Amino acid sequence: MDSIFSFFDALHIESFEHPIALVLLAAMPVYLAFTIFHPKFVSRYYRFPSFLSRQRKPHTATPSDAEPDDSSPKPKHTLPSHLRLVPHHRSFRLVMLWVCSAFFALSITCLAIALAGPQGRAANNALYTGIDIYFTVDMSASMKAYDFSLEEVNRRYEQNLFTPTRFDIARSTMLDFVESRARQCYNTGLSTARCDRVGVVLFAQNAFIATPLTIHYESLSQQLKSRRIDDINASQSAIGDGILKAVASLRHSTSKSKSIILITDGDRKGGRISVNQAISAAQAYDVKVFPVLIGKNNRAVFGYTDIGGTTTFHESNFPVNFDVLENIALQTGGRAFRVADGADLKKNLGDILDALEPSAQSEIQAHAVKADISLYYALIALILGLFSFTLTVIFVRHTP
């Protein structure tokens, strides 16, 4: 699968509107193999000599048959049987048949890509201002908690109403942020736009980069929407690992403003990297960390589903160490926040962005604008198809 994605990336294709049309590509190798190796297909384009195509009469034995002449060497055939029927002076036509078939296959390939509605990236050398931001988000089990009263959660469950967990609130806020970045970048034009590069690191027992720094906001949104708490081992909360993973990516950034927005609901539990080690790395690469503690207090409502499918809710206690988050912010030049719900998180996120200065203008290779490039592939398909047809008419005599 990686080779397929690399192939489309080499064609500057980012996504397809109708990917079902790509099933036509599966027929191309079969078509080419059929053209080369199937004798009936070859015979449609090439008239075999009459002495090979007519039906032979029964052979009558002669005295010479009893004494075969072994002195003359017998030819050794190394080609498929249907190719051995082709006389030497006509082999050029058969080669041209294969060439025409190859161009026809390329034409159908381009047509399939055009029908799939490819969306490309419009590359421009553009001046823009922006900052590099990593959202480093806790995906431990406690992020499945509800910051509502037990009575409210039960009521909403009985009425089949959606009740957002802490992770749902964090994800919704990030999606709103990404959407606002997209409007700001796309609508003002690349020549003077502010296009912030945004990335996402997720952590629980381990940390990994879900999305590297990018201004491909649509793909970033799709990545966020697809994430669930159960995607990784949620038994721990490795804050140090999450920060270090983001710092490792930001160290290559040339932006003058590099920041991490750490969204978590508790204290560090587990992980290979301590908080102090992560702070040292952030200081070394001039990365500011803005921790955000999500949750009203030390008590929250959790839901449990038994083997029979029955869900029950109850309140539980879990430790919160806001002092650790304040220390992270203090040591890295950021600021710590404590939020109770999505509205607070959005407000504090706005305060964080106001505190960050955009980097100076610099000329970069930007790929922020999507372009429909299906017309180009349709035109290439038409040219290749006409070229294949012309070669067939000129060099290959068709046999009805």
Protein backbone atom coordinates (compact mmCIF):
# COMPACT_ATOMS: atom_id res chain seq x y z
CA MET A 1 0.00 0.00 0.00
CA ASP A 2 2.84 2.42 0.76
CA SER A 3 4.11 2.07 -2.82
CA ILE A 4 0.66 2.98 -4.16
CA PHE A 5 0.51 6.10 -2.00
CA SER A 6 4.05 7.02 -3.09
CA PHE A 7 3.01 6.60 -6.74
CA PHE A 8 0.12 9.04 -6.38
CA ASP A 9 2.26 11.40 -4.34
CA ALA A 10 4.79 11.46 -7.17
CA LEU A 11 1.94 12.51 -9.47
CA HIS A 12 1.16 15.39 -7.07
CA ILE A 13 -2.21 13.85 -6.19
CA GLU A 14 -3.38 14.39 -2.62
CA SER A 15 -6.86 12.87 -2.68
CA PHE A 16 -9.68 11.65 -4.94
CA GLU A 17 -13.33 12.67 -5.04
CA HIS A 18 -14.47 9.34 -6.58
CA PRO A 19 -11.82 6.73 -5.73
CA ILE A 20 -14.08 3.85 -6.86
CA ALA A 21 -13.06 4.64 -10.46
CA LEU A 22 -9.53 3.46 -9.68
CA VAL A 23 -10.69 -0.17 -9.90
CA LEU A 24 -10.11 0.18 -13.65
CA LEU A 25 -6.38 0.18 -12.93
CA ALA A 26 -6.56 -3.44 -11.81
CA ALA A 27 -7.48 -4.50 -15.36
CA MET A 28 -4.38 -3.00 -16.99
CA PRO A 29 -1.83 -5.72 -16.05
CA VAL A 30 -4.33 -8.37 -17.18
CA TYR A 31 -4.85 -6.58 -20.49
CA LEU A 32 -1.11 -6.30 -21.16
CA ALA A 33 -0.49 -9.95 -20.29
CA PHE A 34 -3.38 -10.97 -22.54
CA THR A 35 -1.92 -8.93 -25.41
CA ILE A 36 1.52 -10.50 -25.17
CA PHE A 37 0.78 -14.14 -24.42
CA HIS A 38 -2.66 -14.99 -25.81
CA PRO A 39 -2.43 -16.31 -29.42
CA LYS A 40 -6.05 -15.52 -30.34
CA PHE A 41 -5.59 -11.87 -29.46
CA VAL A 42 -2.39 -11.69 -31.52
CA SER A 43 -4.13 -13.32 -34.50
CA ARG A 44 -6.75 -10.52 -34.55
CA TYR A 45 -4.06 -8.07 -35.57
CA TYR A 46 -1.76 -10.35 -37.53
CA ARG A 47 -2.65 -12.61 -40.43
CA PHE A 48 -0.65 -15.79 -40.20
CA PRO A 49 0.72 -17.35 -43.40
CA SER A 50 -1.87 -19.38 -45.25
CA PHE A 51 0.14 -22.60 -45.12
CA LEU A 52 -0.02 -22.39 -41.29
CA SER A 53 -3.66 -21.43 -41.01
CA ARG A 54 -5.24 -23.90 -43.47
CA GLN A 55 -6.24 -27.39 -42.39
CA ARG A 56 -3.70 -30.00 -43.40
CA LYS A 57 -4.59 -33.27 -45.08
CA PRO A 58 -3.87 -36.59 -43.38
CA HIS A 59 -0.23 -37.55 -43.79
CA THR A 60 0.63 -40.62 -45.89
CA ALA A 61 3.72 -42.54 -44.91
CA THR A 62 6.55 -42.71 -47.48
CA PRO A 63 9.76 -44.75 -47.55
CA SER A 64 11.73 -41.68 -46.55
CA ASP A 65 9.80 -41.53 -43.30
CA ALA A 66 11.34 -44.78 -42.16
CA GLU A 67 14.86 -43.37 -42.46
CA PRO A 68 14.89 -39.84 -41.01
CA ASP A 69 17.84 -37.66 -41.83
CA ASP A 70 19.54 -36.81 -38.54
CA SER A 71 22.38 -34.94 -40.17
CA SER A 72 20.56 -31.56 -40.29
CA PRO A 73 20.25 -29.74 -36.92
CA LYS A 74 16.76 -29.25 -35.53
CA PRO A 75 15.72 -25.71 -34.55
CA LYS A 76 15.34 -24.97 -30.87
CA HIS A 77 12.30 -22.87 -30.01
CA THR A 78 12.54 -20.56 -27.03
CA LEU A 79 9.47 -18.38 -27.69
CA PRO A 80 5.80 -19.15 -26.94
CA SER A 81 4.19 -21.29 -29.64
CA HIS A 82 1.96 -18.54 -31.03
CA LEU A 83 4.97 -16.26 -31.48
CA ARG A 84 6.87 -18.96 -33.36
CA LEU A 85 4.18 -18.79 -36.05
CA VAL A 86 5.23 -15.28 -36.96
CA PRO A 87 7.74 -15.07 -39.82
CA HIS A 88 10.88 -13.04 -39.20
CA HIS A 89 10.12 -10.35 -41.80
CA ARG A 90 6.82 -9.55 -40.07
CA SER A 91 8.04 -9.40 -36.45
CA PHE A 92 8.13 -5.56 -36.59
CA ARG A 93 4.34 -5.49 -36.76
CA LEU A 94 4.04 -7.63 -33.69
CA VAL A 95 6.42 -5.35 -31.79
CA MET A 96 4.33 -2.36 -32.85
CA LEU A 97 1.23 -4.20 -31.63
CA TRP A 98 2.76 -4.41 -28.17
CA VAL A 99 3.79 -0.74 -28.31
CA CYS A 100 0.26 0.29 -29.28
CA SER A 101 -1.18 -1.85 -26.50
CA ALA A 102 1.15 -0.22 -23.97
CA PHE A 103 0.06 3.27 -25.03
CA PHE A 104 -3.58 2.18 -24.92
CA ALA A 105 -3.09 0.86 -21.37
CA LEU A 106 -1.51 4.17 -20.34
CA SER A 107 -4.47 5.98 -21.87
CA ILE A 108 -6.96 3.93 -19.86
CA THR A 109 -4.87 4.45 -16.71
CA CYS A 110 -4.99 8.24 -17.13
CA LEU A 111 -8.71 8.04 -17.90
CA ALA A 112 -9.34 6.09 -14.68
CA ILE A 113 -7.40 8.67 -12.68
CA ALA A 114 -9.36 11.48 -14.35
CA LEU A 115 -12.69 9.81 -13.54
CA ALA A 116 -11.60 9.45 -9.91
CA GLY A 117 -11.42 13.24 -9.60
CA PRO A 118 -7.82 13.80 -8.48
CA GLN A 119 -7.15 16.75 -6.18
CA GLY A 120 -3.65 18.14 -6.49
CA ARG A 121 -1.55 20.62 -4.61
CA ALA A 122 -0.91 24.02 -6.14
CA ALA A 123 2.75 24.66 -5.35
CA ASN A 124 3.84 28.26 -5.10
CA ASN A 125 6.87 30.06 -3.78
CA ALA A 126 4.99 32.34 -1.40
CA LEU A 127 5.63 34.82 1.37
CA TYR A 128 3.59 34.04 4.43
CA THR A 129 3.63 34.48 8.17
CA GLY A 130 2.86 31.73 10.60
CA ILE A 131 3.76 29.78 13.70
CA ASP A 132 4.47 26.12 14.29
CA ILE A 133 2.14 24.51 16.83
CA TYR A 134 1.92 20.97 18.13
CA PHE A 135 -1.16 19.80 19.98
CA THR A 136 0.06 17.17 22.43
CA VAL A 137 -3.05 15.41 23.66
CA ASP A 138 -3.54 12.94 26.50
CA MET A 139 -5.33 9.73 25.44
CA SER A 140 -5.19 7.91 28.78
CA ALA A 141 -8.28 6.18 30.14
CA SER A 142 -9.22 9.13 32.36
CA MET A 143 -9.88 11.22 29.23
CA LYS A 144 -13.01 9.09 28.78
CA ALA A 145 -14.49 10.74 31.89
CA TYR A 146 -17.56 13.00 31.84
CA ASP A 147 -17.39 16.38 33.59
CA PHE A 148 -21.07 16.33 34.48
CA SER A 149 -22.92 15.30 37.60
CA LEU A 150 -23.86 11.64 37.91
CA GLU A 151 -27.55 12.54 37.68
CA GLU A 152 -26.99 14.57 34.51
CA VAL A 153 -25.04 11.79 32.82
CA ASN A 154 -27.72 9.21 33.65
CA ARG A 155 -30.46 11.53 32.40
CA ARG A 156 -28.70 12.18 29.10
CA TYR A 157 -28.00 8.47 28.66
CA GLU A 158 -31.65 7.55 29.21
CA GLN A 159 -32.72 10.19 26.69
CA ASN A 160 -30.11 8.96 24.20
CA LEU A 161 -28.36 12.33 24.15
CA PHE A 162 -24.70 12.72 23.27
CA THR A 163 -22.53 13.36 26.30
CA PRO A 164 -19.00 14.53 25.43
CA THR A 165 -16.02 13.07 27.24
CA ARG A 166 -12.92 15.09 28.00
CA PHE A 167 -11.29 13.75 24.86
CA ASP A 168 -14.37 14.69 22.81
CA ILE A 169 -14.14 18.25 24.13
CA ALA A 170 -10.42 18.45 23.35
CA ARG A 171 -10.91 17.06 19.85
CA SER A 172 -13.85 19.37 19.09
CA THR A 173 -11.79 22.38 20.15
CA MET A 174 -8.86 21.30 18.00
CA LEU A 175 -11.15 20.78 14.99
CA ASP A 176 -12.55 24.29 15.42
CA PHE A 177 -9.02 25.63 15.62
CA VAL A 178 -7.94 23.80 12.46
CA GLU A 179 -11.01 25.07 10.62
CA SER A 180 -10.22 28.66 11.62
CA ARG A 181 -6.60 28.22 10.48
CA ALA A 182 -7.85 26.92 7.12
CA ARG A 183 -10.15 29.90 6.59
CA GLN A 184 -7.39 32.30 7.53
CA CYS A 185 -4.86 30.67 5.21
CA TYR A 186 -7.00 29.87 2.16
CA ASN A 187 -9.24 32.92 1.97
CA THR A 188 -6.50 35.56 2.02
CA GLY A 189 -4.35 34.03 -0.70
CA LEU A 190 -0.92 32.52 -0.33
CA SER A 191 0.95 35.71 -1.21
CA THR A 192 0.19 37.44 2.11
CA ALA A 193 -1.58 34.77 4.15
CA ARG A 194 -0.86 33.65 7.68
CA CYS A 195 -0.66 29.88 7.42
CA ASP A 196 0.14 28.26 10.75
CA ARG A 197 1.63 24.79 10.56
CA VAL A 198 -0.18 22.46 12.94
CA GLY A 199 0.74 18.96 14.12
CA VAL A 200 -0.72 16.45 16.58
CA VAL A 201 1.04 14.19 19.08
CA LEU A 202 -1.02 11.64 21.01
CA PHE A 203 0.23 9.99 24.17
CA ALA A 204 -0.88 7.52 26.83
CA GLN A 205 1.48 4.71 27.79
CA ASN A 206 3.56 5.71 24.74
CA ALA A 207 3.64 8.77 22.50
CA PHE A 208 3.52 9.02 18.72
CA ILE A 209 3.09 11.69 16.05
CA ALA A 210 -0.41 11.31 14.65
CA THR A 211 0.10 14.15 12.15
CA PRO A 212 3.39 15.98 11.49
CA LEU A 213 3.49 19.75 11.04
CA THR A 214 1.35 20.62 8.04
CA ILE A 215 -0.91 23.19 6.45
CA HIS A 216 -2.97 20.44 4.82
CA TYR A 217 -5.80 21.22 7.18
CA GLU A 218 -8.35 18.89 5.62
CA SER A 219 -6.21 15.79 6.09
CA LEU A 220 -5.41 16.95 9.62
CA SER A 221 -9.13 17.21 10.43
CA GLN A 222 -9.79 13.73 9.05
CA GLN A 223 -6.99 12.34 11.21
CA LEU A 224 -8.47 13.92 14.34
CA LYS A 225 -12.00 12.70 13.59
CA SER A 226 -10.83 9.11 13.22
CA ARG A 227 -9.08 8.89 16.59
CA ARG A 228 -10.51 6.96 19.56
CA ILE A 229 -9.19 6.49 23.11
CA ASP A 230 -8.97 2.74 22.57
CA ASP A 231 -6.58 3.16 19.62
CA ILE A 232 -3.59 2.85 21.97
CA ASN A 233 -2.78 1.44 25.40
CA ALA A 234 -4.52 3.96 27.68
CA SER A 235 -3.30 2.58 31.02
CA GLN A 236 -0.77 5.39 31.64
CA SER A 237 -0.18 9.08 30.96
CA ALA A 238 3.36 9.64 29.70
CA ILE A 239 3.44 13.44 29.63
CA GLY A 240 7.24 13.60 29.28
CA ASP A 241 7.20 11.28 26.26
CA GLY A 242 4.49 13.36 24.59
CA ILE A 243 6.37 16.64 25.04
CA LEU A 244 9.66 15.17 23.86
CA LYS A 245 8.07 13.68 20.74
CA ALA A 246 6.76 17.12 19.74
CA VAL A 247 10.08 18.82 20.55
CA ALA A 248 11.93 16.27 18.40
CA SER A 249 9.82 17.33 15.42
CA LEU A 250 9.97 21.06 16.16
CA ARG A 251 13.77 21.09 16.41
CA HIS A 252 13.91 21.02 12.58
CA SER A 253 11.57 24.00 12.28
CA THR A 254 12.88 27.32 10.99
CA SER A 255 9.95 29.25 12.44
CA LYS A 256 10.76 31.87 15.06
CA SER A 257 7.74 30.78 17.10
CA LYS A 258 7.58 27.10 18.11
CA SER A 259 4.96 26.05 20.63
CA ILE A 260 3.35 23.00 22.21
CA ILE A 261 -0.19 23.05 23.55
CA LEU A 262 -0.33 20.22 26.09
CA ILE A 263 -3.88 19.03 26.83
CA THR A 264 -4.15 16.61 29.75
CA ASP A 265 -6.37 15.86 32.72
CA GLY A 266 -3.98 14.51 35.31
CA ASP A 267 -0.52 13.85 36.64
CA ARG A 268 2.33 12.04 34.91
CA LYS A 269 2.00 8.26 35.22
CA GLY A 270 4.52 6.04 33.50
CA GLY A 271 6.56 6.70 30.41
CA ARG A 272 10.28 6.49 29.74
CA ILE A 273 10.95 10.25 29.74
CA SER A 274 10.63 12.30 32.90
CA VAL A 275 9.02 15.73 32.91
CA ASN A 276 12.37 17.35 33.73
CA GLN A 277 14.02 15.69 30.73
CA ALA A 278 11.24 16.94 28.48
CA ILE A 279 11.59 20.47 29.90
CA SER A 280 15.34 20.43 29.21
CA ALA A 281 14.74 19.41 25.60
CA ALA A 282 12.15 22.16 25.11
CA GLN A 283 14.54 24.75 26.54
CA ALA A 284 17.36 23.57 24.29
CA TYR A 285 15.30 24.16 21.14
CA ASP A 286 13.46 27.28 22.35
CA VAL A 287 10.04 25.60 22.39
CA LYS A 288 7.31 27.09 24.57
CA VAL A 289 4.90 24.69 26.28
CA PHE A 290 1.36 25.78 27.20
CA PRO A 291 -0.19 23.10 29.46
CA VAL A 292 -3.98 22.97 29.69
CA LEU A 293 -5.55 20.94 32.50
CA ILE A 294 -9.01 19.83 31.41
CA GLY A 295 -11.56 18.80 34.05
CA LYS A 296 -13.60 20.47 36.79
CA ASN A 297 -12.09 18.76 39.84
CA ASN A 298 -10.64 15.51 41.15
CA ARG A 299 -13.93 13.68 40.73
CA ALA A 300 -15.47 12.65 37.43
CA VAL A 301 -18.09 10.26 36.06
CA PHE A 302 -17.02 7.12 34.25
CA GLY A 303 -19.10 4.66 32.28
CA TYR A 304 -18.64 0.90 32.30
CA THR A 305 -20.24 -1.62 29.95
CA ASP A 306 -20.51 -5.20 31.21
CA ILE A 307 -20.37 -8.36 29.16
CA GLY A 308 -24.11 -8.24 28.64
CA GLY A 309 -23.94 -4.78 27.07
CA THR A 310 -25.41 -2.88 30.03
CA THR A 311 -23.76 0.50 30.72
CA THR A 312 -23.61 1.92 34.23
CA PHE A 313 -22.10 5.18 35.48
CA HIS A 314 -20.45 6.09 38.76
CA GLU A 315 -18.14 8.75 40.16
CA SER A 316 -14.44 8.11 40.73
CA ASN A 317 -11.47 9.99 42.12
CA PHE A 318 -8.22 10.49 40.25
CA PRO A 319 -5.12 12.57 41.09
CA VAL A 320 -4.48 15.97 39.55
CA ASN A 321 -1.13 17.73 39.85
CA PHE A 322 -1.53 21.22 38.46
CA ASP A 323 1.77 22.24 40.04
CA VAL A 324 3.63 20.01 37.57
CA LEU A 325 1.92 21.72 34.64
CA GLU A 326 2.66 25.17 36.04
CA ASN A 327 6.31 24.23 36.40
CA ILE A 328 6.43 23.06 32.78
CA ALA A 329 5.00 26.40 31.63
CA LEU A 330 7.31 28.42 33.85
CA GLN A 331 10.47 26.62 32.74
CA THR A 332 9.69 26.83 29.01
CA GLY A 333 8.27 30.35 28.82
CA GLY A 334 4.66 29.31 28.39
CA ARG A 335 1.58 29.63 30.57
CA ALA A 336 -0.59 27.03 32.32
CA PHE A 337 -4.39 26.99 32.11
CA ARG A 338 -7.14 25.11 33.86
CA VAL A 339 -10.43 24.64 32.03
CA ALA A 340 -13.74 23.05 32.98
CA ASP A 341 -15.43 22.66 29.60
CA GLY A 342 -15.14 23.30 25.89
CA ALA A 343 -16.00 27.00 26.14
CA ASP A 344 -13.17 27.59 28.61
CA LEU A 345 -10.77 25.61 26.45
CA LYS A 346 -11.59 27.66 23.34
CA LYS A 347 -11.19 30.92 25.25
CA ASN A 348 -7.83 29.95 26.72
CA LEU A 349 -6.67 28.67 23.35
CA GLY A 350 -7.37 32.12 21.95
CA ASP A 351 -5.31 33.66 24.75
CA ILE A 352 -2.43 31.33 23.90
CA LEU A 353 -2.49 32.30 20.23
CA ASP A 354 -2.59 36.00 21.07
CA ALA A 355 0.59 35.54 23.10
CA LEU A 356 2.44 33.96 20.20
CA GLU A 357 4.14 36.23 17.68
CA PRO A 358 4.04 35.09 14.05
CA SER A 359 7.41 34.42 12.51
CA ALA A 360 8.94 36.84 10.06
CA GLN A 361 8.02 36.47 6.42
CA SER A 362 10.02 33.83 4.62
CA GLU A 363 9.84 32.32 1.16
CA ILE A 364 8.72 28.71 1.28
CA GLN A 365 7.29 26.05 -0.98
CA ALA A 366 3.65 26.08 0.09
CA HIS A 367 1.02 23.49 -0.80
CA ALA A 368 -2.03 24.93 0.88
CA VAL A 369 -4.45 25.24 -2.05
CA LYS A 370 -6.10 22.19 -3.54
CA ALA A 371 -6.70 22.10 -7.28
CA ASP A 372 -8.86 19.83 -9.42
CA ILE A 373 -6.46 18.30 -11.93
CA SER A 374 -8.78 15.74 -13.52
CA LEU A 375 -8.88 17.73 -16.78
CA TYR A 376 -5.12 17.33 -17.24
CA TYR A 377 -5.33 13.56 -16.91
CA ALA A 378 -8.32 13.43 -19.26
CA LEU A 379 -6.32 15.38 -21.86
CA ILE A 380 -3.32 13.06 -21.45
CA ALA A 381 -5.64 10.05 -21.83
CA LEU A 382 -7.04 11.51 -25.08
CA ILE A 383 -3.57 12.19 -26.51
CA LEU A 384 -2.29 8.71 -25.64
CA GLY A 385 -5.44 7.09 -27.04
CA LEU A 386 -5.16 8.95 -30.35
CA PHE A 387 -1.46 8.14 -30.56
CA SER A 388 -2.16 4.44 -29.98
CA PHE A 389 -4.91 4.46 -32.61
CA THR A 390 -2.66 6.20 -35.16
CA LEU A 391 0.17 3.71 -34.66
CA THR A 392 -2.27 0.84 -35.00
CA VAL A 393 -3.66 2.15 -38.31
CA ILE A 394 -0.21 2.82 -39.76
CA PHE A 395 1.81 -0.19 -38.61
CA VAL A 396 -0.60 -2.92 -37.58
CA ARG A 397 -2.98 -4.48 -40.12
CA HIS A 398 -6.18 -5.46 -38.37
CA THR A 399 -7.75 -8.75 -39.30
CA PRO A 400 -11.55 -8.85 -38.91
